């Protein structure tokens, strides 16, 4: 009887040790996530601090939901004033890898501002989407397209109905393209259309979104991003 009890105890100890070892291995193995943000001034965060721009706020929000050992890195290819042509050239020049778990694309305002042909935007936007999908492990599910902010509702835009109507044309095309190709689209334009009545949504330069506005962008983007990172 004592011998039987000893065998049971030894067996139980082995199972417990194996269980602990397995749990430790699971806890000790971190996951690495890579995020690529493509765009222009609205992505690089013109006139706000580096941690205030929406890709950084999005990264911080996602990291709060991940395990403490997980790593989440952000790469930004964006610059103030960039059109779709500029962004395409920059991607070629920087030649990022194709292993991103999450990609965001926000582009087009400078095409409108510089009065570039709309059909050029249509062509290059679709090309950028194809490239963004390729960079996101060739999975279109990894891409989130964000609408263009409406800068008419800033001191710079001064409530211009012409600017607003043109931005609407761009965003309608973007949304319809994403719907037709089953690509995730997040509308943040209405947030920026509060800029004249809620000045704290506009940065100190009187043109670009503030940190607060970007935080509101992230509130809408975050659920979509989490469904990609943690399906």
C-alpha atoms as a PDB file:
ATOM      1  CA  UNK A   1       0.000   0.000   0.000  1.00  0.00           C
ATOM      2  CA  UNK A   2       2.813   2.421   0.881  1.00  0.00           C
ATOM      3  CA  UNK A   3       4.513   1.511  -2.366  1.00  0.00           C
ATOM      4  CA  UNK A   4       1.332   2.301  -4.318  1.00  0.00           C
ATOM      5  CA  UNK A   5       0.997   5.679  -2.584  1.00  0.00           C
ATOM      6  CA  UNK A   6       4.617   6.458  -3.409  1.00  0.00           C
ATOM      7  CA  UNK A   7       4.057   5.705  -7.088  1.00  0.00           C
ATOM      8  CA  UNK A   8       0.970   7.946  -7.133  1.00  0.00           C
ATOM      9  CA  UNK A   9       2.882  10.784  -5.461  1.00  0.00           C
ATOM     10  CA  UNK A  10       5.799  10.496  -7.863  1.00  0.00           C
ATOM     11  CA  UNK A  11       3.459  10.415 -10.856  1.00  0.00           C
ATOM     12  CA  UNK A  12       1.570  13.431  -9.563  1.00  0.00           C
ATOM     13  CA  UNK A  13       4.784  15.354  -9.052  1.00  0.00           C
ATOM     14  CA  UNK A  14       5.920  14.600 -12.604  1.00  0.00           C
ATOM     15  CA  UNK A  15       2.602  15.800 -14.037  1.00  0.00           C
ATOM     16  CA  UNK A  16       2.750  18.956 -11.927  1.00  0.00           C
ATOM     17  CA  UNK A  17       6.318  19.691 -13.014  1.00  0.00           C
ATOM     18  CA  UNK A  18       5.443  19.151 -16.653  1.00  0.00           C
ATOM     19  CA  UNK A  19       2.435  21.439 -16.304  1.00  0.00           C
ATOM     20  CA  UNK A  20       4.498  24.153 -14.658  1.00  0.00           C
ATOM     21  CA  UNK A  21       7.202  23.767 -17.267  1.00  0.00           C
ATOM     22  CA  UNK A  22       4.643  24.097 -20.075  1.00  0.00           C
ATOM     23  CA  UNK A  23       3.036  27.155 -18.477  1.00  0.00           C
ATOM     24  CA  UNK A  24       6.449  28.764 -18.000  1.00  0.00           C
ATOM     25  CA  UNK A  25       7.326  28.137 -21.624  1.00  0.00           C
ATOM     26  CA  UNK A  26       4.081  29.748 -22.764  1.00  0.00           C
ATOM     27  CA  UNK A  27       4.621  32.808 -20.594  1.00  0.00           C
ATOM     28  CA  UNK A  28       8.275  33.158 -21.564  1.00  0.00           C
ATOM     29  CA  UNK A  29       7.675  33.114 -25.338  1.00  0.00           C
ATOM     30  CA  UNK A  30       6.963  36.676 -26.523  1.00  0.00           C
ATOM     31  CA  UNK A  31       5.149  37.507 -29.737  1.00  0.00           C
ATOM     32  CA  UNK A  32       6.495  40.150 -32.093  1.00  0.00           C
ATOM     33  CA  UNK A  33       4.068  42.400 -33.964  1.00  0.00           C
ATOM     34  CA  UNK A  34       5.048  44.872 -36.676  1.00  0.00           C
ATOM     35  CA  UNK A  35       2.884  47.863 -37.677  1.00  0.00           C
ATOM     36  CA  UNK A  36       3.398  49.999 -40.784  1.00  0.00           C
ATOM     37  CA  UNK A  37       1.733  53.420 -41.091  1.00  0.00           C
ATOM     38  CA  UNK A  38       1.636  54.917 -44.589  1.00  0.00           C
ATOM     39  CA  UNK A  39       0.534  58.468 -45.342  1.00  0.00           C
ATOM     40  CA  UNK A  40       1.246  62.181 -45.179  1.00  0.00           C
ATOM     41  CA  UNK A  41       1.080  64.936 -42.536  1.00  0.00           C
ATOM     42  CA  UNK A  42      -1.913  63.268 -40.885  1.00  0.00           C
ATOM     43  CA  UNK A  43       0.180  60.157 -40.264  1.00  0.00           C
ATOM     44  CA  UNK A  44       3.496  61.774 -39.334  1.00  0.00           C
ATOM     45  CA  UNK A  45       1.580  64.109 -37.013  1.00  0.00           C
ATOM     46  CA  UNK A  46       2.465  67.587 -38.245  1.00  0.00           C
ATOM     47  CA  UNK A  47       2.439  70.128 -35.373  1.00  0.00           C
ATOM     48  CA  UNK A  48       1.963  67.553 -32.596  1.00  0.00           C
ATOM     49  CA  UNK A  49       4.525  65.637 -30.545  1.00  0.00           C
ATOM     50  CA  UNK A  50       5.884  62.290 -31.769  1.00  0.00           C
ATOM     51  CA  UNK A  51       3.891  60.319 -29.217  1.00  0.00           C
ATOM     52  CA  UNK A  52       0.757  62.344 -30.039  1.00  0.00           C
ATOM     53  CA  UNK A  53       0.392  61.249 -33.663  1.00  0.00           C
ATOM     54  CA  UNK A  54      -2.196  58.590 -34.276  1.00  0.00           C
ATOM     55  CA  UNK A  55       0.140  55.668 -35.161  1.00  0.00           C
ATOM     56  CA  UNK A  56       1.946  56.085 -31.828  1.00  0.00           C
ATOM     57  CA  UNK A  57      -1.296  56.434 -29.885  1.00  0.00           C
ATOM     58  CA  UNK A  58      -2.617  53.361 -31.677  1.00  0.00           C
ATOM     59  CA  UNK A  59       0.537  51.430 -30.808  1.00  0.00           C
ATOM     60  CA  UNK A  60       0.226  52.368 -27.139  1.00  0.00           C
ATOM     61  CA  UNK A  61      -3.438  51.374 -27.061  1.00  0.00           C
ATOM     62  CA  UNK A  62      -2.708  48.005 -28.649  1.00  0.00           C
ATOM     63  CA  UNK A  63       0.229  47.305 -26.317  1.00  0.00           C
ATOM     64  CA  UNK A  64      -2.079  47.739 -23.329  1.00  0.00           C
ATOM     65  CA  UNK A  65      -4.103  44.799 -24.648  1.00  0.00           C
ATOM     66  CA  UNK A  66      -1.145  42.514 -25.347  1.00  0.00           C
ATOM     67  CA  UNK A  67       0.779  40.326 -22.919  1.00  0.00           C
ATOM     68  CA  UNK A  68       3.587  42.152 -21.140  1.00  0.00           C
ATOM     69  CA  UNK A  69       6.253  40.061 -22.926  1.00  0.00           C
ATOM     70  CA  UNK A  70       4.921  40.826 -26.403  1.00  0.00           C
ATOM     71  CA  UNK A  71       6.704  43.334 -28.624  1.00  0.00           C
ATOM     72  CA  UNK A  72       4.887  45.813 -30.870  1.00  0.00           C
ATOM     73  CA  UNK A  73       7.023  47.953 -33.181  1.00  0.00           C
ATOM     74  CA  UNK A  74       5.922  50.790 -35.456  1.00  0.00           C
ATOM     75  CA  UNK A  75       7.367  51.903 -38.797  1.00  0.00           C
ATOM     76  CA  UNK A  76       6.128  55.140 -40.343  1.00  0.00           C
ATOM     77  CA  UNK A  77       6.538  56.105 -43.994  1.00  0.00           C
ATOM     78  CA  UNK A  78       4.924  59.519 -44.202  1.00  0.00           C
ATOM     79  CA  UNK A  79       5.800  63.170 -44.622  1.00  0.00           C
ATOM     80  CA  UNK A  80       3.962  66.469 -44.668  1.00  0.00           C
ATOM     81  CA  UNK A  81       2.941  67.459 -48.188  1.00  0.00           C
ATOM     82  CA  UNK A  82       3.128  63.999 -49.705  1.00  0.00           C
ATOM     83  CA  UNK A  83       0.761  63.075 -52.503  1.00  0.00           C
ATOM     84  CA  UNK A  84       0.031  59.540 -53.650  1.00  0.00           C
ATOM     85  CA  UNK A  85       2.959  59.899 -56.084  1.00  0.00           C
ATOM     86  CA  UNK A  86       5.333  60.897 -53.281  1.00  0.00           C
ATOM     87  CA  UNK A  87       4.228  58.015 -51.087  1.00  0.00           C
ATOM     88  CA  UNK A  88       4.660  55.510 -53.897  1.00  0.00           C
ATOM     89  CA  UNK A  89       8.205  56.768 -54.532  1.00  0.00           C
ATOM     90  CA  UNK A  90       9.077  56.678 -50.828  1.00  0.00           C
ATOM     91  CA  UNK A  91       7.937  53.076 -50.491  1.00  0.00           C
ATOM     92  CA  UNK A  92      10.129  52.099 -53.428  1.00  0.00           C
ATOM     93  CA  UNK A  93      13.069  54.037 -51.976  1.00  0.00           C
ATOM     94  CA  UNK A  94      12.740  52.696 -48.430  1.00  0.00           C
ATOM     95  CA  UNK A  95      11.867  49.181 -49.596  1.00  0.00           C
ATOM     96  CA  UNK A  96      10.194  47.947 -46.395  1.00  0.00           C
ATOM     97  CA  UNK A  97       9.827  44.236 -45.726  1.00  0.00           C
ATOM     98  CA  UNK A  98       6.627  42.345 -46.465  1.00  0.00           C
ATOM     99  CA  UNK A  99       6.072  40.994 -42.955  1.00  0.00           C
ATOM    100  CA  UNK A 100       3.838  43.596 -41.302  1.00  0.00           C
ATOM    101  CA  UNK A 101       0.990  42.332 -39.145  1.00  0.00           C
ATOM    102  CA  UNK A 102      -0.917  45.615 -39.454  1.00  0.00           C
ATOM    103  CA  UNK A 103      -0.843  48.370 -42.082  1.00  0.00           C
ATOM    104  CA  UNK A 104      -2.731  51.671 -42.130  1.00  0.00           C
ATOM    105  CA  UNK A 105      -3.082  53.917 -45.175  1.00  0.00           C
ATOM    106  CA  UNK A 106      -4.229  57.556 -45.041  1.00  0.00           C
ATOM    107  CA  UNK A 107      -3.440  59.536 -48.192  1.00  0.00           C
ATOM    108  CA  UNK A 108      -4.969  61.969 -50.669  1.00  0.00           C
ATOM    109  CA  UNK A 109      -5.355  65.393 -49.075  1.00  0.00           C
ATOM    110  CA  UNK A 110      -2.350  66.829 -50.913  1.00  0.00           C
ATOM    111  CA  UNK A 111      -3.629  65.536 -54.240  1.00  0.00           C
ATOM    112  CA  UNK A 112      -6.718  67.643 -53.568  1.00  0.00           C
ATOM    113  CA  UNK A 113      -4.773  70.633 -52.212  1.00  0.00           C
ATOM    114  CA  UNK A 114      -2.373  70.669 -55.166  1.00  0.00           C
ATOM    115  CA  UNK A 115      -5.238  70.331 -57.670  1.00  0.00           C
ATOM    116  CA  UNK A 116      -3.751  67.179 -59.148  1.00  0.00           C
ATOM    117  CA  UNK A 117      -5.907  65.209 -61.619  1.00  0.00           C
ATOM    118  CA  UNK A 118      -8.473  63.124 -59.773  1.00  0.00           C
ATOM    119  CA  UNK A 119      -8.028  60.190 -62.133  1.00  0.00           C
ATOM    120  CA  UNK A 120      -4.334  60.114 -61.160  1.00  0.00           C
ATOM    121  CA  UNK A 121      -5.374  59.811 -57.536  1.00  0.00           C
ATOM    122  CA  UNK A 122      -7.773  56.998 -58.391  1.00  0.00           C
ATOM    123  CA  UNK A 123      -5.044  55.082 -60.200  1.00  0.00           C
ATOM    124  CA  UNK A 124      -2.310  55.643 -57.616  1.00  0.00           C
ATOM    125  CA  UNK A 125      -4.550  55.043 -54.624  1.00  0.00           C
ATOM    126  CA  UNK A 126      -5.478  51.609 -55.968  1.00  0.00           C
ATOM    127  CA  UNK A 127      -1.781  50.914 -56.597  1.00  0.00           C
ATOM    128  CA  UNK A 128      -0.941  51.939 -53.039  1.00  0.00           C
ATOM    129  CA  UNK A 129      -3.621  49.642 -51.676  1.00  0.00           C
ATOM    130  CA  UNK A 130      -2.173  46.730 -53.635  1.00  0.00           C
ATOM    131  CA  UNK A 131       1.305  47.556 -52.326  1.00  0.00           C
ATOM    132  CA  UNK A 132       0.047  47.994 -48.752  1.00  0.00           C
ATOM    133  CA  UNK A 133      -1.569  44.563 -48.888  1.00  0.00           C
ATOM    134  CA  UNK A 134       1.692  43.077 -50.170  1.00  0.00           C
ATOM    135  CA  UNK A 135       3.574  44.686 -47.265  1.00  0.00           C
ATOM    136  CA  UNK A 136       1.011  43.242 -44.872  1.00  0.00           C
ATOM    137  CA  UNK A 137       2.017  39.648 -45.558  1.00  0.00           C
ATOM    138  CA  UNK A 138      -0.101  39.721 -48.724  1.00  0.00           C
ATOM    139  CA  UNK A 139      -3.243  39.628 -46.566  1.00  0.00           C
ATOM    140  CA  UNK A 140      -5.781  42.328 -47.292  1.00  0.00           C
ATOM    141  CA  UNK A 141      -7.259  41.584 -43.877  1.00  0.00           C
ATOM    142  CA  UNK A 142      -4.136  43.225 -42.393  1.00  0.00           C
ATOM    143  CA  UNK A 143      -4.885  46.603 -44.011  1.00  0.00           C
ATOM    144  CA  UNK A 144      -6.939  49.462 -42.580  1.00  0.00           C
ATOM    145  CA  UNK A 145      -7.684  52.441 -44.827  1.00  0.00           C
ATOM    146  CA  UNK A 146      -8.478  55.676 -43.004  1.00  0.00           C
ATOM    147  CA  UNK A 147     -10.575  58.486 -44.509  1.00  0.00           C
ATOM    148  CA  UNK A 148      -9.118  61.916 -45.281  1.00  0.00           C
ATOM    149  CA  UNK A 149      -9.695  64.612 -42.638  1.00  0.00           C
ATOM    150  CA  UNK A 150     -11.698  67.664 -43.734  1.00  0.00           C
ATOM    151  CA  UNK A 151      -9.409  70.671 -43.248  1.00  0.00           C
ATOM    152  CA  UNK A 152     -12.205  73.050 -44.287  1.00  0.00           C
ATOM    153  CA  UNK A 153     -13.193  72.950 -40.615  1.00  0.00           C
ATOM    154  CA  UNK A 154     -10.004  74.619 -39.414  1.00  0.00           C
ATOM    155  CA  UNK A 155      -8.963  78.271 -39.160  1.00  0.00           C
ATOM    156  CA  UNK A 156      -6.878  77.688 -42.300  1.00  0.00           C
ATOM    157  CA  UNK A 157      -9.823  76.239 -44.214  1.00  0.00           C
ATOM    158  CA  UNK A 158     -12.156  78.902 -42.851  1.00  0.00           C
ATOM    159  CA  UNK A 159     -15.265  76.804 -43.441  1.00  0.00           C
ATOM    160  CA  UNK A 160     -14.718  76.542 -47.204  1.00  0.00           C
ATOM    161  CA  UNK A 161     -17.570  74.568 -48.759  1.00  0.00           C
ATOM    162  CA  UNK A 162     -15.417  74.043 -51.860  1.00  0.00           C
ATOM    163  CA  UNK A 163     -12.691  72.279 -49.853  1.00  0.00           C
ATOM    164  CA  UNK A 164     -15.231  70.188 -48.001  1.00  0.00           C
ATOM    165  CA  UNK A 165     -17.054  69.097 -51.143  1.00  0.00           C
ATOM    166  CA  UNK A 166     -13.784  68.118 -52.829  1.00  0.00           C
ATOM    167  CA  UNK A 167     -12.624  66.107 -49.808  1.00  0.00           C
ATOM    168  CA  UNK A 168     -16.005  64.370 -49.859  1.00  0.00           C
ATOM    169  CA  UNK A 169     -15.420  63.298 -53.474  1.00  0.00           C
ATOM    170  CA  UNK A 170     -12.089  61.766 -52.519  1.00  0.00           C
ATOM    171  CA  UNK A 171     -13.509  59.988 -49.501  1.00  0.00           C
ATOM    172  CA  UNK A 172     -16.485  58.653 -51.449  1.00  0.00           C
ATOM    173  CA  UNK A 173     -14.118  57.079 -53.953  1.00  0.00           C
ATOM    174  CA  UNK A 174     -11.946  55.637 -51.160  1.00  0.00           C
ATOM    175  CA  UNK A 175     -14.901  54.171 -49.287  1.00  0.00           C
ATOM    176  CA  UNK A 176     -16.475  52.702 -52.411  1.00  0.00           C
ATOM    177  CA  UNK A 177     -13.151  51.190 -53.457  1.00  0.00           C
ATOM    178  CA  UNK A 178     -12.684  49.584 -50.056  1.00  0.00           C
ATOM    179  CA  UNK A 179     -16.251  48.269 -50.004  1.00  0.00           C
ATOM    180  CA  UNK A 180     -15.919  46.774 -53.480  1.00  0.00           C
ATOM    181  CA  UNK A 181     -12.659  45.069 -52.525  1.00  0.00           C
ATOM    182  CA  UNK A 182     -13.693  44.054 -48.972  1.00  0.00           C
ATOM    183  CA  UNK A 183     -10.977  46.169 -47.360  1.00  0.00           C
ATOM    184  CA  UNK A 184     -11.439  47.627 -43.889  1.00  0.00           C
ATOM    185  CA  UNK A 185     -12.291  51.337 -44.019  1.00  0.00           C
ATOM    186  CA  UNK A 186     -12.514  53.648 -41.007  1.00  0.00           C
ATOM    187  CA  UNK A 187     -14.231  57.026 -41.309  1.00  0.00           C
ATOM    188  CA  UNK A 188     -12.724  59.755 -39.108  1.00  0.00           C
ATOM    189  CA  UNK A 189     -13.693  62.727 -41.289  1.00  0.00           C
ATOM    190  CA  UNK A 190     -16.708  63.704 -39.207  1.00  0.00           C
ATOM    191  CA  UNK A 191     -14.432  64.119 -36.178  1.00  0.00           C
ATOM    192  CA  UNK A 192     -12.416  66.764 -38.011  1.00  0.00           C
ATOM    193  CA  UNK A 193     -15.602  68.502 -39.154  1.00  0.00           C
ATOM    194  CA  UNK A 194     -16.066  69.635 -35.554  1.00  0.00           C
ATOM    195  CA  UNK A 195     -12.847  71.643 -35.695  1.00  0.00           C
ATOM    196  CA  UNK A 196     -14.415  75.093 -35.886  1.00  0.00           C
ATOM    197  CA  UNK A 197     -16.862  74.516 -33.043  1.00  0.00           C
ATOM    198  CA  UNK A 198     -14.373  72.521 -30.958  1.00  0.00           C
ATOM    199  CA  UNK A 199     -11.010  74.282 -31.438  1.00  0.00           C
ATOM    200  CA  UNK A 200      -9.199  71.804 -29.196  1.00  0.00           C
ATOM    201  CA  UNK A 201      -9.481  69.331 -32.078  1.00  0.00           C
ATOM    202  CA  UNK A 202      -7.114  71.507 -34.144  1.00  0.00           C
ATOM    203  CA  UNK A 203      -3.354  71.764 -33.608  1.00  0.00           C
ATOM    204  CA  UNK A 204      -1.640  75.058 -32.827  1.00  0.00           C
ATOM    205  CA  UNK A 205      -0.853  75.599 -36.525  1.00  0.00           C
ATOM    206  CA  UNK A 206      -4.561  76.084 -37.241  1.00  0.00           C
ATOM    207  CA  UNK A 207      -4.607  73.369 -39.894  1.00  0.00           C
ATOM    208  CA  UNK A 208      -3.773  69.882 -38.654  1.00  0.00           C
ATOM    209  CA  UNK A 209      -5.518  67.649 -36.084  1.00  0.00           C
ATOM    210  CA  UNK A 210      -4.506  67.951 -32.436  1.00  0.00           C
ATOM    211  CA  UNK A 211      -3.473  65.186 -30.080  1.00  0.00           C
ATOM    212  CA  UNK A 212      -7.087  65.020 -28.895  1.00  0.00           C
ATOM    213  CA  UNK A 213      -8.378  64.606 -32.436  1.00  0.00           C
ATOM    214  CA  UNK A 214      -5.892  61.814 -33.077  1.00  0.00           C
ATOM    215  CA  UNK A 215      -6.992  60.072 -29.879  1.00  0.00           C
ATOM    216  CA  UNK A 216     -10.523  60.091 -31.260  1.00  0.00           C
ATOM    217  CA  UNK A 217      -9.212  58.626 -34.528  1.00  0.00           C
ATOM    218  CA  UNK A 218      -7.644  55.820 -32.500  1.00  0.00           C
ATOM    219  CA  UNK A 219     -10.901  55.093 -30.687  1.00  0.00           C
ATOM    220  CA  UNK A 220     -12.389  54.144 -34.057  1.00  0.00           C
ATOM    221  CA  UNK A 221      -9.341  52.416 -35.507  1.00  0.00           C
ATOM    222  CA  UNK A 222      -8.467  50.387 -32.404  1.00  0.00           C
ATOM    223  CA  UNK A 223     -11.286  47.784 -32.548  1.00  0.00           C
ATOM    224  CA  UNK A 224     -10.419  47.023 -36.183  1.00  0.00           C
ATOM    225  CA  UNK A 225      -6.706  46.818 -35.372  1.00  0.00           C
ATOM    226  CA  UNK A 226      -7.291  44.492 -32.423  1.00  0.00           C
ATOM    227  CA  UNK A 227      -9.385  42.176 -34.588  1.00  0.00           C
ATOM    228  CA  UNK A 228      -6.333  41.884 -36.856  1.00  0.00           C
ATOM    229  CA  UNK A 229      -3.718  41.508 -34.123  1.00  0.00           C
ATOM    230  CA  UNK A 230      -5.868  39.226 -31.943  1.00  0.00           C
ATOM    231  CA  UNK A 231      -8.363  37.524 -34.308  1.00  0.00           C
END
